[in-house]
Amino acid sequence: MNKRIIQTADAPAAIGTYSQAVRVDGTVYMSGQIGLDPATMQLVDGIDAQIHQVFRNLAAVAAAAGGSLADVVKLNVFLTDLGHFPKVNEIMATYFSQPYPARAAVGVAALPRGALVEADAVMTLA
């Protein structure tokens, strides 16, 4: 087994006891990303901006691991208000192309730093 920790300054630094991602052979397990701006480590304002930032953060981690969002095979989205799910679908379609990855959407009571949305992903690389 070949295991490598993935870290990039283009995504928010870990705010806990975790790595941004771990690559094991050809699979990359990306930690959850919230709408933190990596330059300021502050949460961006509003649901639309947070969704965009989450996908930009995931894209930065994917790139650091040697891939892109096109290589994501599983995405988990966590929302404090499932009423925002249509916005997730709309914005996600600007970052991902068909065939889309498998996905779960989960309503949660709260997220770190008061975030409205969080997503994690699994990516496969050749």
Protein backbone atom coordinates (compact mmCIF):
# COMPACT_ATOMS: atom_id res chain seq x y z
CA MET A 1 0.00 0.00 0.00
CA ASN A 2 1.31 3.41 -1.03
CA LYS A 3 -0.05 6.16 1.25
CA ARG A 4 0.60 9.89 0.81
CA ILE A 5 -0.76 12.93 2.65
CA ILE A 6 -2.04 15.69 0.35
CA GLN A 7 -1.67 19.30 1.42
CA THR A 8 -2.01 22.58 -0.48
CA ALA A 9 -2.07 26.25 0.43
CA ASP A 10 -4.74 26.70 -2.28
CA ALA A 11 -7.35 25.20 0.07
CA PRO A 12 -8.00 26.04 3.72
CA ALA A 13 -5.53 24.60 6.19
CA ALA A 14 -6.91 21.85 8.39
CA ILE A 15 -8.68 23.28 11.45
CA GLY A 16 -8.53 20.05 13.39
CA THR A 17 -6.82 16.70 13.62
CA TYR A 18 -7.08 15.70 9.96
CA SER A 19 -5.34 16.03 6.60
CA GLN A 20 -6.82 17.83 3.60
CA ALA A 21 -6.66 14.49 1.79
CA VAL A 22 -4.96 11.12 1.87
CA ARG A 23 -3.98 9.25 -1.28
CA VAL A 24 -3.83 5.48 -1.00
CA ASP A 25 -2.55 3.97 -4.23
CA GLY A 26 -4.93 5.41 -6.89
CA THR A 27 -7.68 6.55 -4.53
CA VAL A 28 -7.80 9.98 -2.90
CA TYR A 29 -9.98 10.54 0.17
CA MET A 30 -10.69 14.27 0.53
CA SER A 31 -11.71 15.69 3.89
CA GLY A 32 -14.80 17.84 4.18
CA GLN A 33 -14.48 21.38 2.92
CA ILE A 34 -16.58 24.29 4.10
CA GLY A 35 -16.75 27.73 2.50
CA LEU A 36 -13.53 29.05 4.00
CA ASP A 37 -11.44 31.38 1.87
CA PRO A 38 -7.95 29.81 2.03
CA ALA A 39 -6.25 33.22 1.99
CA THR A 40 -8.12 34.60 5.00
CA MET A 41 -9.45 31.41 6.65
CA GLN A 42 -12.76 33.28 6.99
CA LEU A 43 -16.14 31.90 5.95
CA VAL A 44 -17.50 33.58 2.81
CA ASP A 45 -20.95 35.16 3.08
CA GLY A 46 -24.14 33.53 1.86
CA ILE A 47 -25.14 30.10 0.63
CA ASP A 48 -24.24 30.67 -3.04
CA ALA A 49 -20.75 31.93 -2.19
CA GLN A 50 -20.22 29.08 0.28
CA ILE A 51 -21.23 26.41 -2.25
CA HIS A 52 -18.85 27.89 -4.85
CA GLN A 53 -16.03 28.09 -2.29
CA VAL A 54 -16.58 24.48 -1.20
CA PHE A 55 -16.19 23.28 -4.80
CA ARG A 56 -13.17 25.55 -5.38
CA ASN A 57 -11.55 24.15 -2.24
CA LEU A 58 -12.24 20.56 -3.30
CA ALA A 59 -10.84 21.35 -6.77
CA ALA A 60 -7.64 22.72 -5.22
CA VAL A 61 -7.16 19.59 -3.13
CA ALA A 62 -7.90 17.40 -6.16
CA ALA A 63 -5.26 19.28 -8.17
CA ALA A 64 -2.70 18.93 -5.38
CA ALA A 65 -3.33 15.17 -5.47
CA GLY A 66 -2.76 15.06 -9.24
CA GLY A 67 -6.36 15.05 -10.42
CA SER A 68 -9.41 17.23 -10.92
CA LEU A 69 -13.08 17.26 -10.03
CA ALA A 70 -13.63 15.17 -13.18
CA ASP A 71 -11.92 12.31 -11.30
CA VAL A 72 -14.33 12.43 -8.34
CA VAL A 73 -16.41 9.25 -8.07
CA LYS A 74 -18.26 9.96 -4.79
CA LEU A 75 -19.38 13.23 -3.27
CA ASN A 76 -21.09 13.77 0.09
CA VAL A 77 -22.84 17.09 0.68
CA PHE A 78 -23.98 18.23 4.12
CA LEU A 79 -26.48 21.09 4.45
CA THR A 80 -27.88 22.84 7.51
CA ASP A 81 -31.00 23.58 5.40
CA LEU A 82 -32.05 21.04 2.77
CA GLY A 83 -34.02 23.86 1.15
CA HIS A 84 -30.65 24.89 -0.34
CA PHE A 85 -30.35 21.57 -2.19
CA PRO A 86 -31.58 23.01 -5.54
CA LYS A 87 -28.79 25.62 -5.33
CA VAL A 88 -26.26 22.84 -4.73
CA ASN A 89 -27.48 21.07 -7.88
CA GLU A 90 -27.37 24.28 -9.93
CA ILE A 91 -23.88 25.30 -8.81
CA MET A 92 -22.51 21.74 -8.84
CA ALA A 93 -23.37 21.51 -12.56
CA THR A 94 -20.87 24.34 -13.20
CA TYR A 95 -18.02 22.36 -11.58
CA PHE A 96 -18.87 18.80 -12.69
CA SER A 97 -19.80 17.29 -16.05
CA GLN A 98 -21.90 14.27 -16.89
CA PRO A 99 -21.62 11.53 -15.97
CA TYR A 100 -21.81 13.01 -12.48
CA PRO A 101 -20.23 11.28 -9.49
CA ALA A 102 -22.30 9.26 -7.05
CA ARG A 103 -23.58 11.59 -4.34
CA ALA A 104 -25.34 11.76 -1.01
CA ALA A 105 -26.97 14.86 0.47
CA VAL A 106 -27.52 14.96 4.21
CA GLY A 107 -29.33 17.50 6.37
CA VAL A 108 -27.38 18.29 9.54
CA ALA A 109 -28.08 20.43 12.60
CA ALA A 110 -24.80 22.37 12.43
CA LEU A 111 -21.43 22.52 10.69
CA PRO A 112 -18.02 23.83 11.79
CA ARG A 113 -17.66 27.62 12.05
CA GLY A 114 -21.38 28.09 11.37
CA ALA A 115 -21.02 26.98 7.75
CA LEU A 116 -24.17 26.36 5.73
CA VAL A 117 -22.67 23.63 3.52
CA GLU A 118 -19.82 21.12 3.61
CA ALA A 119 -18.72 18.51 1.09
CA ASP A 120 -16.16 15.73 1.00
CA ALA A 121 -15.19 13.52 -1.91
CA VAL A 122 -13.46 10.37 -3.06
CA MET A 123 -11.42 10.57 -6.25
CA THR A 124 -9.76 7.85 -8.29
CA LEU A 125 -6.63 8.31 -10.35
CA ALA A 126 -5.05 5.97 -12.89
